[in-house]
Protein backbone atom coordinates (compact mmCIF):
# COMPACT_ATOMS: atom_id res chain seq x y z
CA UNK A 1 154.57 127.33 23.09
CA UNK A 2 155.16 123.51 24.02
CA UNK A 3 151.82 122.11 24.13
CA UNK A 4 151.79 118.95 26.45
CA UNK A 5 150.97 116.10 25.11
CA UNK A 6 151.44 112.39 25.61
CA UNK A 7 150.67 109.64 22.89
CA UNK A 8 148.47 106.93 24.76
CA UNK A 9 149.72 103.20 24.24
CA UNK A 10 147.94 99.66 25.36
CA UNK A 11 149.02 98.92 28.97
CA UNK A 12 152.06 96.10 28.23
CA UNK A 13 150.82 93.93 31.18
CA UNK A 14 146.99 94.07 29.63
CA UNK A 15 143.30 93.52 31.13
CA UNK A 16 144.72 90.79 33.66
CA UNK A 17 147.02 93.29 35.40
CA UNK A 18 143.91 95.78 35.85
CA UNK A 19 141.48 92.96 37.04
CA UNK A 20 144.28 92.24 39.61
CA UNK A 21 144.64 95.83 40.91
CA UNK A 22 140.67 96.18 41.14
CA UNK A 23 140.71 93.17 43.56
CA UNK A 24 143.61 94.05 45.25
CA UNK A 25 141.88 97.40 46.22
CA UNK A 26 138.72 95.57 46.80
CA UNK A 27 140.68 93.61 49.89
CA UNK A 28 142.73 96.90 50.99
CA UNK A 29 139.17 98.80 50.97
CA UNK A 30 136.67 96.31 52.15
CA UNK A 31 139.10 93.75 54.13
CA UNK A 32 137.29 90.88 52.35
CA UNK A 33 138.04 89.00 48.91
CA UNK A 34 135.58 90.22 46.14
CA UNK A 35 132.95 87.57 44.83
CA UNK A 36 133.27 88.52 41.34
CA UNK A 37 135.18 90.57 38.83
CA UNK A 38 134.30 92.02 35.57
CA UNK A 39 136.11 94.25 32.82
CA UNK A 40 135.22 96.63 29.80
CA UNK A 41 137.03 98.49 27.54
CA UNK A 42 137.53 102.21 26.35
CA UNK A 43 136.83 103.34 22.91
CA UNK A 44 138.23 105.79 20.33
CA UNK A 45 135.48 107.44 17.68
CA UNK A 46 137.29 107.48 14.49
CA UNK A 47 134.73 109.34 12.87
CA UNK A 48 131.18 110.69 13.93
CA UNK A 49 131.17 112.90 16.68
CA UNK A 50 127.84 114.35 18.06
CA UNK A 51 125.81 112.82 15.79
CA UNK A 52 124.52 109.41 17.65
CA UNK A 53 122.20 111.23 19.70
CA UNK A 54 121.02 112.94 16.19
CA UNK A 55 120.20 109.24 14.66
CA UNK A 56 123.54 109.41 12.34
CA UNK A 57 126.14 106.95 11.71
CA UNK A 58 129.28 106.80 13.62
CA UNK A 59 132.86 104.63 13.23
CA UNK A 60 133.98 103.81 16.94
CA UNK A 61 136.82 101.44 17.60
CA UNK A 62 137.32 99.24 20.98
CA UNK A 63 140.39 100.16 22.64
CA UNK A 64 143.18 97.52 25.02
CA UNK A 65 142.47 100.16 27.71
CA UNK A 66 140.37 98.64 30.47
CA UNK A 67 138.24 99.23 33.40
CA UNK A 68 138.08 96.45 36.56
CA UNK A 69 135.51 96.49 38.76
CA UNK A 70 135.63 93.87 41.60
CA UNK A 71 132.78 93.61 43.71
CA UNK A 72 131.12 91.52 46.76
CA UNK A 73 127.97 91.58 48.60
CA UNK A 74 127.52 94.37 51.40
CA UNK A 75 125.17 95.68 53.58
CA UNK A 76 124.81 98.99 51.33
CA UNK A 77 126.14 100.10 48.21
CA UNK A 78 129.35 101.54 48.78
CA UNK A 79 132.36 102.13 46.07
CA UNK A 80 136.18 102.79 45.82
CA UNK A 81 138.43 103.63 42.95
CA UNK A 82 142.25 103.56 42.86
CA UNK A 83 142.91 107.12 40.77
CA UNK A 84 139.76 109.74 41.58
CA UNK A 85 139.21 111.81 44.47
CA UNK A 86 136.21 113.25 42.89
CA UNK A 87 133.01 111.29 43.82
CA UNK A 88 131.09 112.16 41.04
CA UNK A 89 132.03 109.20 39.15
CA UNK A 90 129.84 106.74 41.81
CA UNK A 91 126.90 108.51 40.21
CA UNK A 92 127.46 106.79 36.92
CA UNK A 93 128.44 103.35 38.97
CA UNK A 94 125.43 103.52 41.40
CA UNK A 95 123.22 104.67 38.43
CA UNK A 96 123.64 101.29 37.05
CA UNK A 97 122.94 99.31 39.98
CA UNK A 98 119.42 101.51 40.58
CA UNK A 99 118.72 100.46 36.82
CA UNK A 100 119.50 96.97 37.23
CA UNK A 101 117.15 96.76 40.08
CA UNK A 102 114.68 98.94 38.29
CA UNK A 103 114.79 95.97 35.53
CA UNK A 104 113.79 93.68 37.67
CA UNK A 105 117.25 91.85 38.81
CA UNK A 106 118.05 91.17 42.30
CA UNK A 107 120.78 93.17 42.74
CA UNK A 108 121.95 92.89 46.37
CA UNK A 109 123.84 95.84 48.06
CA UNK A 110 127.24 95.77 46.45
CA UNK A 111 130.97 96.76 47.45
CA UNK A 112 132.67 98.08 44.55
CA UNK A 113 136.22 98.71 43.66
CA UNK A 114 137.39 100.10 40.64
CA UNK A 115 140.75 100.12 38.75
CA UNK A 116 141.27 101.73 35.14
CA UNK A 117 143.76 102.23 32.45
CA UNK A 118 141.14 104.48 30.64
CA UNK A 119 142.14 107.98 31.19
CA UNK A 120 139.11 110.07 32.62
CA UNK A 121 138.32 112.90 30.65
CA UNK A 122 139.86 112.00 27.78
CA UNK A 123 136.86 111.37 25.36
CA UNK A 124 137.68 107.58 25.15
CA UNK A 125 134.39 106.48 26.90
CA UNK A 126 135.73 106.29 30.21
CA UNK A 127 132.35 106.53 31.96
CA UNK A 128 130.71 103.92 29.62
CA UNK A 129 133.34 101.13 30.66
CA UNK A 130 132.87 102.12 34.13
CA UNK A 131 129.20 101.37 33.35
CA UNK A 132 129.25 98.56 31.71
CA UNK A 133 132.05 96.96 34.08
CA UNK A 134 130.02 97.49 36.92
CA UNK A 135 126.77 96.14 35.40
CA UNK A 136 128.88 93.05 34.11
CA UNK A 137 130.07 92.48 37.70
CA UNK A 138 126.87 93.09 39.35
CA UNK A 139 125.34 90.64 37.18
CA UNK A 140 128.08 88.08 37.75
CA UNK A 141 127.47 88.01 41.51
CA UNK A 142 123.68 86.94 41.01
CA UNK A 143 124.43 84.56 38.08
CA UNK A 144 122.54 86.48 35.49
CA UNK A 145 122.88 88.17 32.13
CA UNK A 146 121.82 90.45 29.74
CA UNK A 147 122.80 90.50 26.16
CA UNK A 148 124.87 93.28 24.61
CA UNK A 149 121.79 95.47 23.02
CA UNK A 150 119.88 95.61 26.42
CA UNK A 151 122.92 96.05 28.33
CA UNK A 152 124.38 99.23 26.31
CA UNK A 153 120.89 100.68 26.49
CA UNK A 154 120.46 100.27 30.14
CA UNK A 155 124.05 101.71 30.79
CA UNK A 156 122.86 104.62 28.47
CA UNK A 157 120.01 105.14 30.59
CA UNK A 158 122.00 104.85 33.92
CA UNK A 159 124.11 107.94 32.59
CA UNK A 160 121.06 109.84 31.53
CA UNK A 161 119.21 109.50 34.77
CA UNK A 162 122.19 108.63 37.58
CA UNK A 163 124.66 111.16 36.19
CA UNK A 164 122.53 113.67 34.21
CA UNK A 165 124.30 113.58 31.33
CA UNK A 166 122.34 113.11 28.08
CA UNK A 167 124.60 111.18 25.87
CA UNK A 168 123.83 108.97 23.03
CA UNK A 169 124.39 105.45 22.65
CA UNK A 170 127.18 105.32 20.60
CA UNK A 171 129.90 104.46 23.57
CA UNK A 172 127.69 101.71 25.23
CA UNK A 173 127.03 100.20 22.33
CA UNK A 174 130.82 100.04 21.24
CA UNK A 175 131.83 98.95 24.48
CA UNK A 176 129.17 96.01 24.97
CA UNK A 177 129.60 94.83 20.98
CA UNK A 178 133.24 95.46 19.99
CA UNK A 179 136.68 93.65 20.93
CA UNK A 180 139.69 95.55 21.34
CA UNK A 181 141.02 96.87 17.99
CA UNK A 182 137.68 96.38 16.44
CA UNK A 183 136.02 99.10 14.76
CA UNK A 184 132.03 99.25 14.06
CA UNK A 185 129.68 101.44 12.08
CA UNK A 186 126.75 101.63 14.27
CA UNK A 187 123.24 103.60 12.90
CA UNK A 188 122.18 105.11 16.03
CA UNK A 189 118.61 105.51 14.63
CA UNK A 190 118.13 101.63 14.09
CA UNK A 191 120.61 100.01 16.75
CA UNK A 192 122.29 98.03 13.51
CA UNK A 193 126.09 97.51 13.35
CA UNK A 194 128.68 96.03 11.04
CA UNK A 195 132.36 95.52 11.79
CA UNK A 196 134.73 97.12 9.52
CA UNK A 197 138.26 96.03 8.73
CA UNK A 198 140.83 98.46 8.64
CA UNK A 199 143.61 98.25 6.55
CA UNK A 200 146.97 97.11 8.09
CA UNK A 201 149.03 100.14 6.35
CA UNK A 202 146.79 102.30 8.47
CA UNK A 203 148.44 103.48 11.89
CA UNK A 204 146.29 105.30 14.50
CA UNK A 205 147.91 107.21 17.46
CA UNK A 206 146.14 108.72 20.20
CA UNK A 207 147.29 111.75 21.44
CA UNK A 208 146.17 113.13 24.85
CA UNK A 209 146.03 117.02 25.23
CA UNK A 210 145.91 116.63 29.08
CA UNK A 211 142.74 119.00 29.08
CA UNK A 212 140.28 117.23 30.91
CA UNK A 213 136.53 117.71 30.13
CA UNK A 214 133.10 116.86 32.47
CA UNK A 215 130.37 116.21 29.82
CA UNK A 216 127.82 116.79 33.16
CA UNK A 217 129.30 120.47 32.95
CA UNK A 218 126.64 121.39 30.54
CA UNK A 219 128.23 121.98 27.23
CA UNK A 220 127.41 118.68 25.94
CA UNK A 221 123.93 118.94 27.03
CA UNK A 222 123.78 122.63 25.51
CA UNK A 223 125.22 121.11 22.02
CA UNK A 224 122.65 118.21 22.32
CA UNK A 225 119.84 121.19 22.91
CA UNK A 226 120.86 123.01 19.65
CA UNK A 227 120.85 119.68 17.64
CA UNK A 228 117.16 118.83 18.90
CA UNK A 229 115.77 122.68 17.94
CA UNK A 230 117.44 122.67 14.46
CA UNK A 231 115.53 119.17 14.07
CA UNK A 232 112.21 120.70 15.26
CA UNK A 233 112.84 123.62 13.13
CA UNK A 234 113.28 121.47 10.41
CA UNK A 235 110.58 119.40 11.05
CA UNK A 236 112.55 116.12 11.34
CA UNK A 237 112.59 113.52 14.09
CA UNK A 238 116.38 113.20 13.94
CA UNK A 239 118.90 115.77 12.65
CA UNK A 240 121.12 113.54 10.74
CA UNK A 241 118.10 111.58 9.02
CA UNK A 242 117.42 115.15 7.18
CA UNK A 243 117.45 114.05 3.32
CA UNK A 244 120.47 115.84 1.36
CA UNK A 245 118.29 117.12 -0.99
CA UNK A 246 116.70 119.07 2.14
CA UNK A 247 120.05 120.10 3.41
CA UNK A 248 119.81 123.95 1.55
CA UNK A 249 117.42 124.40 4.16
CA UNK A 250 120.00 124.49 6.93
CA UNK A 251 121.01 128.02 6.04
CA UNK A 252 117.66 129.75 6.61
CA UNK A 253 117.76 128.50 10.18
CA UNK A 254 119.25 130.75 13.09
CA UNK A 255 123.17 131.04 12.82
CA UNK A 256 124.07 128.92 15.70
CA UNK A 257 121.28 126.34 14.98
CA UNK A 258 122.64 126.14 11.15
CA UNK A 259 126.30 125.86 12.04
CA UNK A 260 125.17 122.54 14.41
CA UNK A 261 123.09 121.25 11.91
CA UNK A 262 125.77 121.63 8.94
CA UNK A 263 128.27 119.45 11.26
CA UNK A 264 125.40 116.86 11.89
CA UNK A 265 124.25 116.26 8.51
CA UNK A 266 127.87 116.34 7.32
CA UNK A 267 129.53 114.34 10.05
CA UNK A 268 126.96 111.67 9.36
CA UNK A 269 127.83 111.41 5.76
CA UNK A 270 131.45 111.30 6.54
CA UNK A 271 131.52 108.00 8.13
CA UNK A 272 129.79 106.37 4.83
CA UNK A 273 132.84 108.11 2.93
CA UNK A 274 135.37 106.66 5.49
CA UNK A 275 133.99 103.39 5.13
CA UNK A 276 134.57 103.28 1.68
CA UNK A 277 137.77 104.63 1.67
CA UNK A 278 139.05 102.25 4.45
CA UNK A 279 137.28 99.37 2.15
CA UNK A 280 139.32 101.05 -1.02
CA UNK A 281 142.38 101.40 0.99
CA UNK A 282 142.23 105.18 0.18
CA UNK A 283 144.19 106.47 2.83
CA UNK A 284 144.64 109.72 1.40
CA UNK A 285 140.88 110.21 1.77
CA UNK A 286 140.62 109.05 5.03
CA UNK A 287 143.17 111.47 6.17
CA UNK A 288 141.38 114.45 4.47
CA UNK A 289 138.15 113.44 6.49
CA UNK A 290 139.64 113.51 9.52
CA UNK A 291 140.72 116.87 9.10
CA UNK A 292 137.28 118.25 7.44
CA UNK A 293 135.67 116.42 10.62
CA UNK A 294 138.12 118.42 12.82
CA UNK A 295 137.24 121.95 11.38
CA UNK A 296 133.27 121.07 11.67
CA UNK A 297 133.88 120.23 15.07
CA UNK A 298 135.91 123.45 15.73
CA UNK A 299 133.97 126.01 13.87
CA UNK A 300 130.31 124.48 13.28
CA UNK A 301 129.87 122.87 16.76
CA UNK A 302 132.59 124.62 18.52
CA UNK A 303 133.99 121.98 20.86
CA UNK A 304 137.49 122.09 20.18
CA UNK A 305 139.97 123.72 21.93
CA UNK A 306 143.28 125.81 21.63
CA UNK A 307 145.12 122.87 22.85
CA UNK A 308 143.09 120.15 20.38
CA UNK A 309 143.76 122.67 17.53
CA UNK A 310 147.36 123.02 18.12
CA UNK A 311 147.63 119.23 18.06
CA UNK A 312 146.40 119.06 15.05
CA UNK A 313 148.08 121.64 13.11
CA UNK A 314 151.42 120.44 14.51
CA UNK A 315 150.42 117.01 12.96
CA UNK A 316 149.63 118.15 9.81
CA UNK A 317 152.81 120.27 9.29
CA UNK A 318 154.70 116.91 10.19
CA UNK A 319 152.94 115.44 7.00
CA UNK A 320 150.31 112.97 8.97
CA UNK A 321 147.74 111.47 6.27
CA UNK A 322 145.05 113.30 9.08
CA UNK A 323 144.26 114.28 12.41
CA UNK A 324 140.85 115.22 14.44
CA UNK A 325 139.65 115.88 18.08
CA UNK A 326 137.70 113.25 18.87
CA UNK A 327 134.88 112.31 21.54
CA UNK A 328 132.58 115.06 23.45
CA UNK A 329 135.06 117.58 22.73
CA UNK A 330 136.08 120.42 25.42
CA UNK A 331 139.65 119.01 25.88
CA UNK A 332 140.69 115.31 25.70
CA UNK A 333 142.30 113.49 22.76
CA UNK A 334 143.23 113.61 19.43
CA UNK A 335 143.26 111.11 16.97
CA UNK A 336 145.85 110.88 14.08
CA UNK A 337 145.97 108.69 11.21
CA UNK A 338 149.40 107.75 9.19
CA UNK A 339 151.08 105.59 6.95
CA UNK A 340 152.44 102.39 8.65
C-alpha cells in the first residue's frame, strides 16, 4: 500500500510573502490596514522528543517556514486565519494576549490576521510559531518588547492556560532564540542553550505523513502524566535527571511507567551523543541515533503511527543514514538524514 507523503521544502518566496499575505488578509477581513506585522518560524526537533517537560536535553532546529500575524487596534479581540476552519487555534492566540495583559502590559483589544507556511499538526511547532508571532505583533503595537527568555516562558504559559496543552519549553524556546537553520542544544531544566553547528555534509529532509495530530486531544497530556508518575515513583523531581547509576531502578516500575521512563532517560542521553557525533562529523553514528530514537518513541512511548513507521522503514530500505518521527507524535512528520 502506498504511503501518502510529501517532502516539506522552504517556500521560495520566503518570509516577506507570508507577511504580505497576513497584511492582505487583515485588510480584507477588517477593512483597514494593519498597524504592525510580526513573524516567527517553525522548528523541527533533531533529537530529544518528549523529554523537555521531564527536564532533559533537546536538539531543535529553526526552519525557514514562517507564521505572520498582522494586527491593528480594535473594539474587541478578534482573529482570522487564511487556512483554518477550526477555531480552536484562537485559544492559542487569545491566550497569548491574556498572558501579556496579566503581565501588566497595556495591550489594547486587537484584530489579528494570520498567514502561515508552517503546516498545522505536523509536529513542526505551528502552535509555538503562532504564539510567538502574536506576542511580537501585540508588543509592537504598543512599542514594547520582551527578551527571548521571558517571551518563551510567557508563550508556554499561554499554551498551558489558554489551550490546555501541558507542553514543555522546547518549542517556544527554539522559536524565540534560533534563526532559521540554526540548531540549539537546550537544557530544559536550567534553561541554558548552546548553538550547535551542523556539518555541511549532512542533508536533512522533512517528510510529512499527512496524518494530523492535535495535542489538545489528550494523548500528549497522558504521556506527560506517565512521566511525572514515574518521577514520583523514582523519587526525583524531573525524570530526565535520574542518575545513570540508578537507571536499573526503572525495571521495578509498573510496565507502562517503566517504558515511559526508559525512553526519557535514553532519549535525553541521545542528545549528548548526537552533539558529539555532529562535532566529529560521524554521520554513521548520527543516523544510528535517529533509528534508535524512533524505535524508542514507537515501542516505549507509544506515540508513533503505522504511517510514520512505514516512512521510516522505507527510508531505511533506501539506504539513508537515519530516520525518525519528530515532534509530539500521533501523526506529523518524519525527519530523514542522509549524506550530501
